[in-house]
Amino acid sequence: MPAPSTIAVRFNTVSDGWLAAAVHGSIELFRTSDEGRHWALEGQHSLRDPQMQVTPPAGALSVATDGNHVLVLNSEPSSSNFSFGRSFSTPDGGRSWSVARAPSGGSVNFADGVFWLVGGPLHNKLFKSQTGITWSEVHVSVADETSTFADPVQTDIGLVLPVTIHKSDDTSVLALYVSRDNGATWSVNSKVPVHAATALGASLALSVQDAGTWQTVATEGSKLYSGSLHQPAKVSIVSPNGLPAQVVGLRFTSADRGVALVDIGSCPSGKASCHDTEELVGTTDGGQTWTPIDE
């Protein structure tokens, strides 16, 4: 495969996953059935917009999947006041495609039987779709306008929408909203103060499990918070050892085992040499101790 300009990955199970890549003006779709060791090209579709008669540049890709039904969102580059995207939907694993203008750029996932899109310039708009082509906006009443949504997650008590509220005192609040009617109504399950600043449009790194347990981490890695949707008032806080700053992704598979994705910036020879790298670290003791994960 030629070097892609951008990629996105989503796994249905531990072994079965999809990868979307933007390569030479096209979306290419790959599938793995062995935990990502091998990937096979399943289909592709041009990025070209037939109405505009142009090929928009590939922006950030996001992919969501319900088995063989795969949705790819291309968030096209735009200004800070706007967010544009196009959705590429294939119901049969890449053999046939439907393409439409999305209501926004952003991220997509599949939960509670439908596709969801979190977007808008500040990532505080929510949309849902049965097909990934026709979207309707879902209204969530959040009192604080300086908030950012993350992907909705299905749990045993309902659909959970994680919301990061950005405070003026350089702290944040993690608010977990729950819907039991596919997004028609929402109620606040938990509000957790997190002693770390988050940028507008950025969410706290968060992991939510099917059984309703959750974990989040302060951006600089100094505190790890954990709790349960079944006991909203009970929150545990630990000071982790070995967890670097700038945690951008978090995933726990049990109460003890988890991984974190860390964004590491380096400027070895001044500003012109600055670059970012990503590192995976893991824990087996509930987040108290973290060590690098070797490739």
C-alpha atoms as a PDB file:
ATOM      1  CA  MET A   1       0.000   0.000   0.000  1.00  0.00           C
ATOM      2  CA  PRO A   2       1.355   3.466  -0.859  1.00  0.00           C
ATOM      3  CA  ALA A   3       1.982   5.731   2.102  1.00  0.00           C
ATOM      4  CA  PRO A   4      -1.409   7.199   3.116  1.00  0.00           C
ATOM      5  CA  SER A   5      -1.873  10.852   4.018  1.00  0.00           C
ATOM      6  CA  THR A   6      -4.169   9.890   6.891  1.00  0.00           C
ATOM      7  CA  ILE A   7      -5.664   6.721   8.376  1.00  0.00           C
ATOM      8  CA  ALA A   8      -8.345   5.670  10.883  1.00  0.00           C
ATOM      9  CA  VAL A   9      -8.892   2.307  12.570  1.00  0.00           C
ATOM     10  CA  ARG A  10     -11.884   0.732  14.312  1.00  0.00           C
ATOM     11  CA  PHE A  11     -12.172  -2.779  15.742  1.00  0.00           C
ATOM     12  CA  ASN A  12     -15.459  -4.712  16.113  1.00  0.00           C
ATOM     13  CA  THR A  13     -13.786  -7.296  18.338  1.00  0.00           C
ATOM     14  CA  VAL A  14     -10.262  -7.953  19.561  1.00  0.00           C
ATOM     15  CA  SER A  15      -9.417  -9.675  16.262  1.00  0.00           C
ATOM     16  CA  ASP A  16     -11.787  -8.134  13.677  1.00  0.00           C
ATOM     17  CA  GLY A  17     -11.120  -4.564  12.573  1.00  0.00           C
ATOM     18  CA  TRP A  18     -11.297  -2.053   9.733  1.00  0.00           C
ATOM     19  CA  LEU A  19      -8.762   0.520   8.536  1.00  0.00           C
ATOM     20  CA  ALA A  20      -9.598   3.451   6.265  1.00  0.00           C
ATOM     21  CA  ALA A  21      -6.743   5.211   4.473  1.00  0.00           C
ATOM     22  CA  ALA A  22      -6.612   8.236   2.189  1.00  0.00           C
ATOM     23  CA  VAL A  23      -4.298   7.282  -0.691  1.00  0.00           C
ATOM     24  CA  HIS A  24      -3.844   9.336  -3.900  1.00  0.00           C
ATOM     25  CA  GLY A  25      -7.294  10.952  -3.821  1.00  0.00           C
ATOM     26  CA  SER A  26      -9.213   7.836  -2.761  1.00  0.00           C
ATOM     27  CA  ILE A  27     -10.528   6.180   0.374  1.00  0.00           C
ATOM     28  CA  GLU A  28      -9.118   2.657   0.636  1.00  0.00           C
ATOM     29  CA  LEU A  29     -10.732   0.208   3.053  1.00  0.00           C
ATOM     30  CA  PHE A  30      -8.803  -2.672   4.656  1.00  0.00           C
ATOM     31  CA  ARG A  31      -9.888  -5.445   7.033  1.00  0.00           C
ATOM     32  CA  THR A  32      -8.050  -7.648   9.511  1.00  0.00           C
ATOM     33  CA  SER A  33      -9.203 -10.812  11.250  1.00  0.00           C
ATOM     34  CA  ASP A  34      -6.017 -11.524  13.215  1.00  0.00           C
ATOM     35  CA  GLU A  35      -5.683  -8.538  15.579  1.00  0.00           C
ATOM     36  CA  GLY A  36      -4.044  -6.332  12.940  1.00  0.00           C
ATOM     37  CA  ARG A  37      -1.168  -8.591  11.944  1.00  0.00           C
ATOM     38  CA  HIS A  38      -2.396  -8.766   8.338  1.00  0.00           C
ATOM     39  CA  TRP A  39      -4.675  -6.459   6.377  1.00  0.00           C
ATOM     40  CA  ALA A  40      -6.563  -7.106   3.113  1.00  0.00           C
ATOM     41  CA  LEU A  41      -7.905  -4.434   0.746  1.00  0.00           C
ATOM     42  CA  GLU A  42     -11.713  -4.787   0.645  1.00  0.00           C
ATOM     43  CA  GLY A  43     -12.722  -1.746  -1.418  1.00  0.00           C
ATOM     44  CA  GLN A  44     -12.035   1.836  -2.380  1.00  0.00           C
ATOM     45  CA  HIS A  45     -13.856   4.986  -3.484  1.00  0.00           C
ATOM     46  CA  SER A  46     -12.688   8.288  -4.946  1.00  0.00           C
ATOM     47  CA  LEU A  47     -12.637  11.376  -2.757  1.00  0.00           C
ATOM     48  CA  ARG A  48     -13.752  13.432  -5.772  1.00  0.00           C
ATOM     49  CA  ASP A  49     -16.912  15.504  -5.259  1.00  0.00           C
ATOM     50  CA  PRO A  50     -18.955  15.124  -8.494  1.00  0.00           C
ATOM     51  CA  GLN A  51     -21.125  18.170  -7.720  1.00  0.00           C
ATOM     52  CA  MET A  52     -18.181  20.495  -7.133  1.00  0.00           C
ATOM     53  CA  GLN A  53     -16.036  18.788  -9.812  1.00  0.00           C
ATOM     54  CA  VAL A  54     -13.052  18.834  -7.473  1.00  0.00           C
ATOM     55  CA  THR A  55     -11.192  16.380  -5.284  1.00  0.00           C
ATOM     56  CA  PRO A  56     -11.128  17.829  -1.758  1.00  0.00           C
ATOM     57  CA  PRO A  57      -7.952  17.205   0.206  1.00  0.00           C
ATOM     58  CA  ALA A  58      -8.110  14.386   2.711  1.00  0.00           C
ATOM     59  CA  GLY A  59      -8.503  15.699   6.222  1.00  0.00           C
ATOM     60  CA  ALA A  60      -8.813  13.712   9.421  1.00  0.00           C
ATOM     61  CA  LEU A  61     -10.541  10.386   8.807  1.00  0.00           C
ATOM     62  CA  SER A  62     -12.842   8.601  11.231  1.00  0.00           C
ATOM     63  CA  VAL A  63     -14.327   5.142  10.765  1.00  0.00           C
ATOM     64  CA  ALA A  64     -17.295   3.374  12.383  1.00  0.00           C
ATOM     65  CA  THR A  65     -18.589  -0.109  11.773  1.00  0.00           C
ATOM     66  CA  ASP A  66     -21.565  -2.385  12.355  1.00  0.00           C
ATOM     67  CA  GLY A  67     -20.179  -5.662  11.092  1.00  0.00           C
ATOM     68  CA  ASN A  68     -19.844  -5.320   7.298  1.00  0.00           C
ATOM     69  CA  HIS A  69     -21.544  -1.910   7.281  1.00  0.00           C
ATOM     70  CA  VAL A  70     -18.674   0.577   7.419  1.00  0.00           C
ATOM     71  CA  LEU A  71     -18.888   4.366   7.582  1.00  0.00           C
ATOM     72  CA  VAL A  72     -15.907   6.605   6.829  1.00  0.00           C
ATOM     73  CA  LEU A  73     -16.036  10.340   7.573  1.00  0.00           C
ATOM     74  CA  ASN A  74     -13.586  12.658   5.845  1.00  0.00           C
ATOM     75  CA  SER A  75     -13.303  15.924   7.793  1.00  0.00           C
ATOM     76  CA  GLU A  76     -12.210  18.418   5.164  1.00  0.00           C
ATOM     77  CA  PRO A  77      -9.772  21.178   6.163  1.00  0.00           C
ATOM     78  CA  SER A  78     -11.575  24.436   7.003  1.00  0.00           C
ATOM     79  CA  SER A  79     -11.329  27.494   9.249  1.00  0.00           C
ATOM     80  CA  SER A  80     -11.797  27.452  13.016  1.00  0.00           C
ATOM     81  CA  ASN A  81     -15.356  28.787  12.612  1.00  0.00           C
ATOM     82  CA  PHE A  82     -16.604  26.024  10.314  1.00  0.00           C
ATOM     83  CA  SER A  83     -16.504  22.248  10.098  1.00  0.00           C
ATOM     84  CA  PHE A  84     -17.108  20.365   6.835  1.00  0.00           C
ATOM     85  CA  GLY A  85     -17.225  16.661   6.149  1.00  0.00           C
ATOM     86  CA  ARG A  86     -18.368  13.994   3.718  1.00  0.00           C
ATOM     87  CA  SER A  87     -19.524  10.514   4.672  1.00  0.00           C
ATOM     88  CA  PHE A  88     -18.673   7.386   2.685  1.00  0.00           C
ATOM     89  CA  SER A  89     -20.952   4.491   3.587  1.00  0.00           C
ATOM     90  CA  THR A  90     -20.593   0.886   2.408  1.00  0.00           C
ATOM     91  CA  PRO A  91     -23.169  -1.691   3.606  1.00  0.00           C
ATOM     92  CA  ASP A  92     -21.250  -4.657   2.211  1.00  0.00           C
ATOM     93  CA  GLY A  93     -17.661  -4.221   3.318  1.00  0.00           C
ATOM     94  CA  GLY A  94     -16.420  -2.074   0.445  1.00  0.00           C
ATOM     95  CA  ARG A  95     -18.154  -3.529  -2.631  1.00  0.00           C
ATOM     96  CA  SER A  96     -20.718  -0.730  -3.032  1.00  0.00           C
ATOM     97  CA  TRP A  97     -20.708   2.839  -1.721  1.00  0.00           C
ATOM     98  CA  SER A  98     -22.996   5.797  -1.030  1.00  0.00           C
ATOM     99  CA  VAL A  99     -21.488   9.254  -0.549  1.00  0.00           C
ATOM    100  CA  ALA A 100     -23.089  12.397   0.873  1.00  0.00           C
ATOM    101  CA  ARG A 101     -22.252  15.699   2.485  1.00  0.00           C
ATOM    102  CA  ALA A 102     -22.151  15.219   6.265  1.00  0.00           C
ATOM    103  CA  PRO A 103     -23.560  17.864   8.615  1.00  0.00           C
ATOM    104  CA  SER A 104     -20.059  18.407  10.017  1.00  0.00           C
ATOM    105  CA  GLY A 105     -16.567  17.067  10.190  1.00  0.00           C
ATOM    106  CA  GLY A 106     -15.610  15.260  13.371  1.00  0.00           C
ATOM    107  CA  SER A 107     -15.646  11.657  14.563  1.00  0.00           C
ATOM    108  CA  VAL A 108     -18.096   8.786  14.008  1.00  0.00           C
ATOM    109  CA  ASN A 109     -18.898   5.577  15.827  1.00  0.00           C
ATOM    110  CA  PHE A 110     -21.661   2.964  16.065  1.00  0.00           C
ATOM    111  CA  ALA A 111     -23.639   2.474  19.294  1.00  0.00           C
ATOM    112  CA  ASP A 112     -27.187   1.584  20.337  1.00  0.00           C
ATOM    113  CA  GLY A 113     -28.068   0.427  16.817  1.00  0.00           C
ATOM    114  CA  VAL A 114     -27.206   3.636  14.918  1.00  0.00           C
ATOM    115  CA  PHE A 115     -24.247   5.677  13.691  1.00  0.00           C
ATOM    116  CA  TRP A 116     -23.279   8.790  15.669  1.00  0.00           C
ATOM    117  CA  LEU A 117     -21.294  11.855  14.593  1.00  0.00           C
ATOM    118  CA  VAL A 118     -19.710  14.274  17.058  1.00  0.00           C
ATOM    119  CA  GLY A 119     -18.692  17.487  15.307  1.00  0.00           C
ATOM    120  CA  GLY A 120     -18.953  21.235  14.992  1.00  0.00           C
ATOM    121  CA  PRO A 121     -16.040  23.675  15.352  1.00  0.00           C
ATOM    122  CA  LEU A 122     -15.894  22.974  19.117  1.00  0.00           C
ATOM    123  CA  HIS A 123     -17.011  19.332  18.892  1.00  0.00           C
ATOM    124  CA  ASN A 124     -20.193  20.066  20.837  1.00  0.00           C
ATOM    125  CA  LYS A 125     -22.748  18.986  18.218  1.00  0.00           C
ATOM    126  CA  LEU A 126     -24.254  15.488  18.039  1.00  0.00           C
ATOM    127  CA  PHE A 127     -25.945  13.812  15.052  1.00  0.00           C
ATOM    128  CA  LYS A 128     -27.263  10.292  14.395  1.00  0.00           C
ATOM    129  CA  SER A 129     -28.047   8.211  11.313  1.00  0.00           C
ATOM    130  CA  GLN A 130     -29.272   4.737  10.404  1.00  0.00           C
ATOM    131  CA  THR A 131     -27.273   4.665   7.171  1.00  0.00           C
ATOM    132  CA  GLY A 132     -24.448   7.159   7.598  1.00  0.00           C
ATOM    133  CA  ILE A 133     -25.891   9.211   4.703  1.00  0.00           C
ATOM    134  CA  THR A 134     -28.939  11.032   6.120  1.00  0.00           C
ATOM    135  CA  TRP A 135     -28.352  12.664   9.505  1.00  0.00           C
ATOM    136  CA  SER A 136     -30.513  14.296  12.170  1.00  0.00           C
ATOM    137  CA  GLU A 137     -29.227  16.492  14.970  1.00  0.00           C
ATOM    138  CA  VAL A 138     -29.588  15.240  18.541  1.00  0.00           C
ATOM    139  CA  HIS A 139     -29.995  17.997  21.115  1.00  0.00           C
ATOM    140  CA  VAL A 140     -28.241  17.623  24.451  1.00  0.00           C
ATOM    141  CA  SER A 141     -28.895  20.341  27.013  1.00  0.00           C
ATOM    142  CA  VAL A 142     -25.533  21.237  28.548  1.00  0.00           C
ATOM    143  CA  ALA A 143     -25.684  24.324  30.763  1.00  0.00           C
ATOM    144  CA  ASP A 144     -22.047  25.297  30.174  1.00  0.00           C
ATOM    145  CA  GLU A 145     -21.467  26.292  26.541  1.00  0.00           C
ATOM    146  CA  THR A 146     -17.698  25.764  26.759  1.00  0.00           C
ATOM    147  CA  SER A 147     -17.997  22.013  26.461  1.00  0.00           C
ATOM    148  CA  THR A 148     -16.742  19.268  24.155  1.00  0.00           C
ATOM    149  CA  PHE A 149     -18.452  15.966  23.366  1.00  0.00           C
ATOM    150  CA  ALA A 150     -16.781  12.595  22.891  1.00  0.00           C
ATOM    151  CA  ASP A 151     -18.180   9.562  21.049  1.00  0.00           C
ATOM    152  CA  PRO A 152     -21.329   8.052  22.635  1.00  0.00           C
ATOM    153  CA  VAL A 153     -20.745   4.618  24.162  1.00  0.00           C
ATOM    154  CA  GLN A 154     -23.235   1.794  24.760  1.00  0.00           C
ATOM    155  CA  THR A 155     -23.293   0.432  28.342  1.00  0.00           C
ATOM    156  CA  ASP A 156     -25.566  -1.784  30.405  1.00  0.00           C
ATOM    157  CA  ILE A 157     -27.471   1.240  31.750  1.00  0.00           C
ATOM    158  CA  GLY A 158     -27.918   2.965  28.397  1.00  0.00           C
ATOM    159  CA  LEU A 159     -26.116   5.178  25.926  1.00  0.00           C
ATOM    160  CA  VAL A 160     -23.420   7.351  27.531  1.00  0.00           C
ATOM    161  CA  LEU A 161     -22.277  10.695  26.124  1.00  0.00           C
ATOM    162  CA  PRO A 162     -19.022  11.902  27.740  1.00  0.00           C
ATOM    163  CA  VAL A 163     -18.836  15.701  27.956  1.00  0.00           C
ATOM    164  CA  THR A 164     -15.729  17.680  28.924  1.00  0.00           C
ATOM    165  CA  ILE A 165     -16.601  21.068  30.434  1.00  0.00           C
ATOM    166  CA  HIS A 166     -13.801  23.619  30.213  1.00  0.00           C
ATOM    167  CA  LYS A 167     -13.597  25.888  33.267  1.00  0.00           C
ATOM    168  CA  SER A 168     -12.106  29.376  33.459  1.00  0.00           C
ATOM    169  CA  ASP A 169      -9.892  28.440  36.427  1.00  0.00           C
ATOM    170  CA  ASP A 170      -7.797  25.977  34.343  1.00  0.00           C
ATOM    171  CA  THR A 171      -9.724  22.957  35.554  1.00  0.00           C
ATOM    172  CA  SER A 172     -12.195  20.684  33.797  1.00  0.00           C
ATOM    173  CA  VAL A 173     -15.315  18.706  34.627  1.00  0.00           C
ATOM    174  CA  LEU A 174     -16.147  15.297  33.188  1.00  0.00           C
ATOM    175  CA  ALA A 175     -19.930  15.032  32.824  1.00  0.00           C
ATOM    176  CA  LEU A 176     -21.444  11.679  31.839  1.00  0.00           C
ATOM    177  CA  TYR A 177     -24.882  11.994  30.251  1.00  0.00           C
ATOM    178  CA  VAL A 178     -27.100   8.906  29.862  1.00  0.00           C
ATOM    179  CA  SER A 179     -29.913   8.231  27.389  1.00  0.00           C
ATOM    180  CA  ARG A 180     -32.207   5.203  27.543  1.00  0.00           C
ATOM    181  CA  ASP A 181     -34.249   6.149  24.457  1.00  0.00           C
ATOM    182  CA  ASN A 182     -31.653   6.307  21.664  1.00  0.00           C
ATOM    183  CA  GLY A 183     -30.765   9.947  22.298  1.00  0.00           C
ATOM    184  CA  ALA A 184     -34.273  11.425  22.568  1.00  0.00           C
ATOM    185  CA  THR A 185     -33.690  12.503  26.190  1.00  0.00           C
ATOM    186  CA  TRP A 186     -30.561  12.779  28.344  1.00  0.00           C
ATOM    187  CA  SER A 187     -29.859  12.988  32.070  1.00  0.00           C
ATOM    188  CA  VAL A 188     -26.642  13.641  33.983  1.00  0.00           C
ATOM    189  CA  ASN A 189     -25.315  10.525  35.696  1.00  0.00           C
ATOM    190  CA  SER A 190     -22.005  11.875  37.030  1.00  0.00           C
ATOM    191  CA  LYS A 191     -20.028  15.106  37.223  1.00  0.00           C
ATOM    192  CA  VAL A 192     -16.379  14.707  38.183  1.00  0.00           C
ATOM    193  CA  PRO A 193     -14.049  17.692  38.745  1.00  0.00           C
ATOM    194  CA  VAL A 194     -10.656  17.063  37.136  1.00  0.00           C
ATOM    195  CA  HIS A 195      -7.748  19.245  38.198  1.00  0.00           C
ATOM    196  CA  ALA A 196      -6.340  19.837  34.717  1.00  0.00           C
ATOM    197  CA  ALA A 197      -6.960  22.336  31.947  1.00  0.00           C
ATOM    198  CA  THR A 198      -8.281  21.132  28.582  1.00  0.00           C
ATOM    199  CA  ALA A 199      -8.283  23.118  25.364  1.00  0.00           C
ATOM    200  CA  LEU A 200     -11.562  24.108  23.725  1.00  0.00           C
ATOM    201  CA  GLY A 201     -12.560  21.361  21.317  1.00  0.00           C
ATOM    202  CA  ALA A 202     -10.493  18.735  23.155  1.00  0.00           C
ATOM    203  CA  SER A 203     -11.904  15.988  25.381  1.00  0.00           C
ATOM    204  CA  LEU A 204     -10.440  14.347  28.434  1.00  0.00           C
ATOM    205  CA  ALA A 205      -9.022  10.917  27.613  1.00  0.00           C
ATOM    206  CA  LEU A 206     -11.683   8.468  28.776  1.00  0.00           C
ATOM    207  CA  SER A 207     -12.463   4.755  28.790  1.00  0.00           C
ATOM    208  CA  VAL A 208     -16.002   3.439  29.397  1.00  0.00           C
ATOM    209  CA  GLN A 209     -16.698  -0.283  29.693  1.00  0.00           C
ATOM    210  CA  ASP A 210     -19.912  -2.182  28.872  1.00  0.00           C
ATOM    211  CA  ALA A 211     -20.575  -2.815  32.563  1.00  0.00           C
ATOM    212  CA  GLY A 212     -20.613   0.931  33.306  1.00  0.00           C
ATOM    213  CA  THR A 213     -17.166   1.318  34.842  1.00  0.00           C
ATOM    214  CA  TRP A 214     -15.077   4.224  33.569  1.00  0.00           C
ATOM    215  CA  GLN A 215     -11.613   5.799  33.842  1.00  0.00           C
ATOM    216  CA  THR A 216     -10.278   9.215  32.908  1.00  0.00           C
ATOM    217  CA  VAL A 217      -6.925  10.898  33.347  1.00  0.00           C
ATOM    218  CA  ALA A 218      -5.757  14.459  33.851  1.00  0.00           C
ATOM    219  CA  THR A 219      -4.102  15.710  30.679  1.00  0.00           C
ATOM    220  CA  GLU A 220      -0.643  15.933  32.245  1.00  0.00           C
ATOM    221  CA  GLY A 221      -0.953  12.402  33.659  1.00  0.00           C
ATOM    222  CA  SER A 222      -0.813  13.368  37.337  1.00  0.00           C
ATOM    223  CA  LYS A 223      -4.140  11.835  38.406  1.00  0.00           C
ATOM    224  CA  LEU A 224      -6.238   8.875  37.275  1.00  0.00           C
ATOM    225  CA  TYR A 225      -9.932   8.947  38.146  1.00  0.00           C
ATOM    226  CA  SER A 226     -12.197   5.885  38.068  1.00  0.00           C
ATOM    227  CA  GLY A 227     -15.805   5.156  38.940  1.00  0.00           C
ATOM    228  CA  SER A 228     -19.009   3.394  37.959  1.00  0.00           C
ATOM    229  CA  LEU A 229     -22.235   4.634  36.394  1.00  0.00           C
ATOM    230  CA  HIS A 230     -24.015   2.416  38.932  1.00  0.00           C
ATOM    231  CA  GLN A 231     -22.433   4.332  41.849  1.00  0.00           C
ATOM    232  CA  PRO A 232     -22.084   7.912  40.587  1.00  0.00           C
ATOM    233  CA  ALA A 233     -21.042   9.373  43.950  1.00  0.00           C
ATOM    234  CA  LYS A 234     -18.065   7.027  44.385  1.00  0.00           C
ATOM    235  CA  VAL A 235     -14.907   8.145  42.547  1.00  0.00           C
ATOM    236  CA  SER A 236     -11.412   6.767  43.144  1.00  0.00           C
ATOM    237  CA  ILE A 237      -8.314   8.877  42.464  1.00  0.00           C
ATOM    238  CA  VAL A 238      -4.759   7.576  42.216  1.00  0.00           C
ATOM    239  CA  SER A 239      -1.450   9.277  41.453  1.00  0.00           C
ATOM    240  CA  PRO A 240       0.014   7.030  38.762  1.00  0.00           C
ATOM    241  CA  ASN A 241       3.693   6.182  38.431  1.00  0.00           C
ATOM    242  CA  GLY A 242       5.254   6.206  34.960  1.00  0.00           C
ATOM    243  CA  LEU A 243       2.315   7.804  33.120  1.00  0.00           C
ATOM    244  CA  PRO A 244       3.686  10.601  30.906  1.00  0.00           C
ATOM    245  CA  ALA A 245       1.978  13.923  30.229  1.00  0.00           C
ATOM    246  CA  GLN A 246      -0.236  14.576  27.204  1.00  0.00           C
ATOM    247  CA  VAL A 247      -2.397  11.463  27.374  1.00  0.00           C
ATOM    248  CA  VAL A 248      -4.620  11.579  24.264  1.00  0.00           C
ATOM    249  CA  GLY A 249      -6.195   8.124  24.419  1.00  0.00           C
ATOM    250  CA  LEU A 250      -7.205   5.682  27.146  1.00  0.00           C
ATOM    251  CA  ARG A 251      -8.627   2.152  27.014  1.00  0.00           C
ATOM    252  CA  PHE A 252      -9.220  -0.260  29.885  1.00  0.00           C
ATOM    253  CA  THR A 253     -10.303  -3.831  29.172  1.00  0.00           C
ATOM    254  CA  SER A 254     -10.836  -4.665  32.857  1.00  0.00           C
ATOM    255  CA  ALA A 255     -10.531  -2.975  36.231  1.00  0.00           C
ATOM    256  CA  ASP A 256      -6.791  -3.767  36.260  1.00  0.00           C
ATOM    257  CA  ARG A 257      -5.584  -3.777  32.649  1.00  0.00           C
ATOM    258  CA  GLY A 258      -5.423  -0.741  30.399  1.00  0.00           C
ATOM    259  CA  VAL A 259      -3.388   1.173  27.829  1.00  0.00           C
ATOM    260  CA  ALA A 260      -2.810   4.885  27.268  1.00  0.00           C
ATOM    261  CA  LEU A 261      -1.715   6.685  24.105  1.00  0.00           C
ATOM    262  CA  VAL A 262       0.682   9.545  24.808  1.00  0.00           C
ATOM    263  CA  ASP A 263       1.607  12.398  22.456  1.00  0.00           C
ATOM    264  CA  ILE A 264       5.283  13.280  22.915  1.00  0.00           C
ATOM    265  CA  GLY A 265       6.684  16.481  21.403  1.00  0.00           C
ATOM    266  CA  SER A 266      10.391  16.953  20.763  1.00  0.00           C
ATOM    267  CA  CYS A 267      12.535  19.828  19.451  1.00  0.00           C
ATOM    268  CA  PRO A 268      16.081  18.402  19.374  1.00  0.00           C
ATOM    269  CA  SER A 269      17.597  21.272  17.384  1.00  0.00           C
ATOM    270  CA  GLY A 270      15.301  24.222  17.955  1.00  0.00           C
ATOM    271  CA  LYS A 271      11.814  25.107  16.731  1.00  0.00           C
ATOM    272  CA  ALA A 272      12.427  24.083  13.120  1.00  0.00           C
ATOM    273  CA  SER A 273      13.156  20.508  14.214  1.00  0.00           C
ATOM    274  CA  CYS A 274      10.009  20.031  16.322  1.00  0.00           C
ATOM    275  CA  HIS A 275       8.000  16.879  15.744  1.00  0.00           C
ATOM    276  CA  ASP A 276       5.446  14.725  17.551  1.00  0.00           C
ATOM    277  CA  THR A 277       5.642  11.024  18.248  1.00  0.00           C
ATOM    278  CA  GLU A 278       3.178   8.716  19.965  1.00  0.00           C
ATOM    279  CA  GLU A 279       3.903   6.107  22.625  1.00  0.00           C
ATOM    280  CA  LEU A 280       1.792   3.352  24.160  1.00  0.00           C
ATOM    281  CA  VAL A 281       2.062   2.626  27.860  1.00  0.00           C
ATOM    282  CA  GLY A 282       0.208  -0.052  29.789  1.00  0.00           C
ATOM    283  CA  THR A 283      -0.939  -0.912  33.297  1.00  0.00           C
ATOM    284  CA  THR A 284      -1.880  -4.188  34.984  1.00  0.00           C
ATOM    285  CA  ASP A 285      -2.643  -2.829  38.455  1.00  0.00           C
ATOM    286  CA  GLY A 286      -5.597  -0.531  37.856  1.00  0.00           C
ATOM    287  CA  GLY A 287      -3.581   2.487  36.737  1.00  0.00           C
ATOM    288  CA  GLN A 288      -1.158   2.793  39.625  1.00  0.00           C
ATOM    289  CA  THR A 289       1.906   1.771  37.578  1.00  0.00           C
ATOM    290  CA  TRP A 290       2.520   2.317  33.838  1.00  0.00           C
ATOM    291  CA  THR A 291       5.305   0.962  31.620  1.00  0.00           C
ATOM    292  CA  PRO A 292       6.042   1.341  27.884  1.00  0.00           C
ATOM    293  CA  ILE A 293       4.571  -1.296  25.581  1.00  0.00           C
ATOM    294  CA  ASP A 294       7.173  -2.663  23.199  1.00  0.00           C
ATOM    295  CA  GLU A 295       6.216  -3.100  19.542  1.00  0.00           C
END
